[in-house]
N, C-alpha and C. Protein backbone atom coordinates (compact mmCIF):
# COMPACT_ATOMS: atom_id res chain seq x y z
N MET A 1 27.59 -6.45 23.28
CA MET A 1 27.07 -6.17 21.86
C MET A 1 25.54 -6.06 22.08
N ASN A 2 24.78 -5.33 21.24
CA ASN A 2 23.65 -5.29 21.63
C ASN A 2 23.05 -5.98 20.06
N GLU A 3 22.26 -7.31 20.42
CA GLU A 3 21.38 -7.76 19.52
C GLU A 3 20.59 -7.09 18.33
N PRO A 4 20.51 -7.62 17.47
CA PRO A 4 19.49 -6.88 16.38
C PRO A 4 18.22 -7.00 16.86
N ILE A 5 17.41 -6.29 16.30
CA ILE A 5 15.97 -6.35 17.32
C ILE A 5 15.01 -7.70 15.93
N LYS A 6 14.36 -8.62 16.71
CA LYS A 6 13.94 -9.56 15.75
C LYS A 6 12.46 -9.45 16.89
N ALA A 7 11.57 -10.51 15.62
CA ALA A 7 10.42 -10.68 16.47
C ALA A 7 10.15 -11.16 17.41
N GLY A 8 9.01 -10.57 18.66
CA GLY A 8 8.89 -10.84 19.58
C GLY A 8 9.74 -9.96 20.61
N ASP A 9 10.75 -9.18 19.76
CA ASP A 9 11.09 -8.38 20.96
C ASP A 9 10.28 -7.19 21.29
N LEU A 10 10.41 -6.27 22.52
CA LEU A 10 9.44 -5.19 23.58
C LEU A 10 10.44 -4.23 22.81
N CYS A 11 10.31 -3.11 22.17
CA CYS A 11 10.56 -1.60 21.78
C CYS A 11 10.02 -0.70 22.40
N VAL A 12 10.64 0.43 22.30
CA VAL A 12 10.50 1.85 22.57
C VAL A 12 10.33 2.50 21.41
N VAL A 13 9.09 3.00 21.35
CA VAL A 13 9.48 4.02 19.89
C VAL A 13 10.11 5.66 19.94
N VAL A 14 11.02 5.46 19.21
CA VAL A 14 12.07 7.30 19.43
C VAL A 14 11.71 7.58 18.33
N SER A 15 11.01 7.51 17.19
CA SER A 15 10.98 8.12 16.36
C SER A 15 9.68 7.68 15.09
N GLY A 16 9.65 8.48 13.97
CA GLY A 16 8.90 7.59 13.08
C GLY A 16 8.69 8.72 11.37
N ALA A 17 8.16 8.52 11.05
CA ALA A 17 7.71 9.21 10.05
C ALA A 17 7.63 10.76 9.65
N PHE A 18 7.06 11.31 11.32
CA PHE A 18 7.42 12.47 11.37
C PHE A 18 8.50 13.30 12.23
N GLY A 19 9.56 12.15 11.67
CA GLY A 19 10.73 12.41 13.28
C GLY A 19 10.37 12.29 14.60
N THR A 20 10.98 12.80 15.12
CA THR A 20 10.63 13.14 17.04
C THR A 20 9.24 13.41 17.48
N ASP A 21 8.71 14.30 16.15
CA ASP A 21 7.16 14.83 16.19
C ASP A 21 6.35 13.48 16.12
N SER A 22 6.89 12.37 16.26
CA SER A 22 6.32 11.03 15.66
C SER A 22 4.86 11.04 17.27
N PRO A 23 3.40 10.08 17.18
CA PRO A 23 2.49 10.83 18.14
C PRO A 23 2.56 9.27 18.68
N ASN A 24 3.51 8.49 17.99
CA ASN A 24 4.13 7.17 18.78
C ASN A 24 5.01 6.83 19.57
N LYS A 25 5.65 8.18 19.71
CA LYS A 25 7.27 8.51 20.16
C LYS A 25 6.34 8.30 21.90
N GLY A 26 7.22 7.38 22.07
CA GLY A 26 7.57 7.12 23.81
C GLY A 26 6.77 5.93 24.00
N LYS A 27 5.87 5.17 22.93
CA LYS A 27 5.18 3.91 23.08
C LYS A 27 5.90 2.82 23.18
N ILE A 28 5.24 2.12 24.20
CA ILE A 28 5.97 0.51 24.35
C ILE A 28 4.99 -0.73 23.15
N VAL A 29 5.86 -1.15 22.06
CA VAL A 29 5.49 -1.78 20.92
C VAL A 29 6.55 -3.33 21.47
N THR A 30 5.46 -4.65 20.33
CA THR A 30 6.09 -5.83 20.36
C THR A 30 6.63 -5.75 18.79
N VAL A 31 7.59 -6.51 18.57
CA VAL A 31 7.61 -6.47 17.54
C VAL A 31 7.18 -8.13 16.79
N ARG A 32 6.39 -7.59 16.01
CA ARG A 32 5.35 -9.10 15.02
C ARG A 32 6.19 -9.70 13.83
N SER A 33 6.42 -8.63 13.12
CA SER A 33 7.05 -9.75 12.07
C SER A 33 7.52 -8.66 10.67
N LEU A 34 8.92 -8.85 10.37
CA LEU A 34 9.25 -8.13 9.03
C LEU A 34 9.05 -8.01 7.83
N LYS A 35 8.52 -6.38 7.78
CA LYS A 35 7.50 -6.60 6.16
C LYS A 35 8.47 -6.49 5.16
N GLY A 36 9.97 -5.91 5.40
CA GLY A 36 11.38 -5.56 4.20
C GLY A 36 11.73 -4.50 4.43
N ASP A 37 12.29 -4.02 3.15
CA ASP A 37 13.22 -2.77 3.12
C ASP A 37 12.86 -2.01 2.29
N HIS A 38 13.15 -0.86 3.24
CA HIS A 38 12.48 0.37 2.60
C HIS A 38 14.39 0.83 2.30
N SER A 39 13.78 1.74 0.74
CA SER A 39 14.80 2.23 0.18
C SER A 39 16.22 3.30 0.75
N GLU A 40 14.75 3.98 1.57
CA GLU A 40 15.85 5.23 2.56
C GLU A 40 15.54 5.02 3.99
N HIS A 41 14.26 4.11 4.23
CA HIS A 41 14.64 3.84 6.23
C HIS A 41 15.39 2.43 6.49
N GLY A 42 15.64 1.42 5.42
CA GLY A 42 16.07 0.00 6.06
C GLY A 42 14.85 -0.60 6.29
N ARG A 43 15.27 -1.64 7.53
CA ARG A 43 14.68 -2.92 7.76
C ARG A 43 13.28 -2.01 8.51
N ILE A 44 11.88 -2.60 7.93
CA ILE A 44 11.15 -2.35 8.34
C ILE A 44 10.34 -3.55 9.35
N TRP A 45 9.65 -3.17 10.11
CA TRP A 45 8.75 -4.24 10.56
C TRP A 45 7.25 -3.70 11.42
N GLN A 46 6.51 -4.93 10.82
CA GLN A 46 4.91 -4.31 11.84
C GLN A 46 5.40 -4.82 13.02
N CYS A 47 5.14 -3.99 14.22
CA CYS A 47 4.50 -3.79 15.67
C CYS A 47 3.25 -3.90 16.34
N ALA A 48 3.28 -4.13 17.29
CA ALA A 48 1.79 -4.05 17.99
C ALA A 48 1.94 -3.78 19.16
N GLY A 49 1.02 -2.73 19.21
CA GLY A 49 0.87 -1.46 21.05
C GLY A 49 -0.71 -0.87 20.89
N ASN A 50 -0.61 -0.27 21.96
CA ASN A 50 -1.87 0.64 22.04
C ASN A 50 -1.97 1.89 21.70
N GLY A 51 -3.16 2.37 21.13
CA GLY A 51 -3.28 3.32 20.26
C GLY A 51 -2.00 3.93 19.28
N LEU A 52 -1.74 2.94 18.58
CA LEU A 52 -0.79 3.40 17.52
C LEU A 52 -1.33 3.90 15.99
N THR A 53 -0.71 5.09 15.89
CA THR A 53 -1.09 6.25 14.88
C THR A 53 -0.46 6.03 13.55
N SER A 54 -1.31 5.24 12.52
CA SER A 54 -0.16 5.29 11.08
C SER A 54 0.35 6.74 10.80
N GLU A 55 1.06 6.87 9.61
CA GLU A 55 1.55 8.40 9.13
C GLU A 55 0.25 8.75 8.53
N TYR A 56 -0.57 8.37 8.38
CA TYR A 56 -2.05 8.80 7.31
C TYR A 56 -2.73 8.73 8.27
N GLY A 57 -2.46 9.04 9.95
CA GLY A 57 -3.55 9.11 10.60
C GLY A 57 -4.57 8.38 11.13
N GLY A 58 -4.40 6.84 10.44
CA GLY A 58 -5.44 5.67 11.55
C GLY A 58 -4.69 5.56 12.35
N SER A 59 -6.24 5.15 13.33
CA SER A 59 -5.49 4.62 14.93
C SER A 59 -5.76 2.95 14.68
N GLY A 60 -4.84 2.07 15.23
CA GLY A 60 -5.24 0.64 15.34
C GLY A 60 -3.87 0.60 16.80
N MET A 61 -3.98 -0.98 16.77
CA MET A 61 -3.24 -1.66 17.45
C MET A 61 -1.65 -2.46 16.44
N PHE A 62 -1.97 -2.03 15.71
CA PHE A 62 -0.54 -2.01 14.58
C PHE A 62 -0.33 -1.26 13.53
N ALA A 63 1.30 -1.11 13.54
CA ALA A 63 1.65 -0.34 12.41
C ALA A 63 2.92 -1.06 11.96
N ASP A 64 3.78 0.31 11.13
CA ASP A 64 4.94 -0.27 10.73
C ASP A 64 6.39 0.18 11.03
N PHE A 65 7.36 0.20 11.24
CA PHE A 65 8.20 1.15 11.54
C PHE A 65 9.49 0.86 11.02
N ALA A 66 10.33 1.75 10.81
CA ALA A 66 11.91 1.13 10.22
C ALA A 66 12.67 0.96 11.65
N VAL A 67 13.52 0.09 11.37
CA VAL A 67 14.13 -0.12 12.47
C VAL A 67 15.13 0.97 13.41
N SER A 68 15.19 2.02 12.61
CA SER A 68 16.25 3.04 13.49
C SER A 68 14.80 3.90 14.55
N TRP A 69 13.49 3.88 14.18
CA TRP A 69 12.67 4.35 14.88
C TRP A 69 12.47 3.34 16.48
N LEU A 70 13.08 2.60 16.47
CA LEU A 70 13.11 1.90 17.66
C LEU A 70 13.58 1.51 18.48
N ARG A 71 13.49 1.07 19.55
CA ARG A 71 14.93 1.20 20.60
C ARG A 71 14.57 -0.09 21.20
N LYS A 72 15.55 -1.26 21.38
CA LYS A 72 15.28 -2.44 22.10
C LYS A 72 15.19 -2.62 23.17
N ILE A 73 14.52 -3.22 23.94
CA ILE A 73 14.61 -2.75 26.03
C ILE A 73 14.77 -3.86 26.31
N PRO A 74 16.26 -3.88 27.17
CA PRO A 74 16.52 -4.99 27.36
C PRO A 74 15.70 -6.08 28.08
N PRO A 75 16.19 -7.51 27.95
CA PRO A 75 15.86 -8.80 28.88
C PRO A 75 14.99 -8.21 30.04
N THR A 76 16.08 -8.16 30.78
CA THR A 76 15.47 -7.21 32.15
C THR A 76 14.80 -6.10 32.57
N GLN A 77 14.79 -5.48 31.30
CA GLN A 77 13.59 -4.61 31.97
C GLN A 77 12.08 -4.38 30.92
N LYS A 78 12.35 -5.96 30.23
CA LYS A 78 10.93 -6.48 29.92
C LYS A 78 9.47 -6.20 31.04
N LYS A 79 9.78 -6.66 32.16
CA LYS A 79 8.68 -7.14 33.07
C LYS A 79 8.12 -5.75 33.04
N ASP A 80 9.25 -4.83 33.54
CA ASP A 80 8.58 -3.68 34.02
C ASP A 80 8.21 -3.30 33.15
N SER A 81 8.50 -2.61 31.95
CA SER A 81 7.75 -2.58 30.50
C SER A 81 6.39 -2.98 30.71
N GLU A 82 6.52 -4.50 30.64
CA GLU A 82 4.80 -5.23 30.37
C GLU A 82 4.05 -4.67 31.33
N LYS A 83 4.51 -3.93 32.30
CA LYS A 83 3.62 -4.14 33.78
C LYS A 83 3.59 -2.68 33.21
N ARG A 84 4.01 -1.56 33.03
CA ARG A 84 3.41 0.02 32.29
C ARG A 84 2.54 -0.48 31.56
N GLU A 85 2.83 -1.22 30.56
CA GLU A 85 1.98 -1.16 29.13
C GLU A 85 0.20 -1.84 29.65
N LYS A 86 0.18 -2.76 30.60
CA LYS A 86 -1.10 -3.21 31.05
C LYS A 86 -1.28 -2.21 32.04
N ASP A 87 -0.83 -1.10 32.88
CA ASP A 87 -1.20 -0.21 33.28
C ASP A 87 -1.54 0.28 32.60
N LEU A 88 -1.40 1.25 31.57
CA LEU A 88 -1.68 2.07 30.42
C LEU A 88 -3.08 1.48 29.71
N ALA A 89 -3.18 0.20 29.60
CA ALA A 89 -4.02 -0.35 28.77
C ALA A 89 -5.37 -0.48 29.27
N ALA A 90 -5.24 -0.58 31.05
CA ALA A 90 -6.72 -0.64 31.64
C ALA A 90 -6.98 0.86 31.92
């Protein structure tokens, strides 16, 4: 059984406000905090990552994502993903 996404989880972005054309698609993010529930998209999480783009075009280290836009990375794959994220930041 898959455990729900929670703060501290590592996830890959699979979609966004622009669907699968999201500029964040494929990026690795760390879930920071629950922002609330959206009437259409459900639970919204604030996440941290490198070079994230908001739906308004702003760039930064933080962005909000609907739970359906995130795919949790299993703990066994976290170390490989963290290494890849570090390599990308360098």
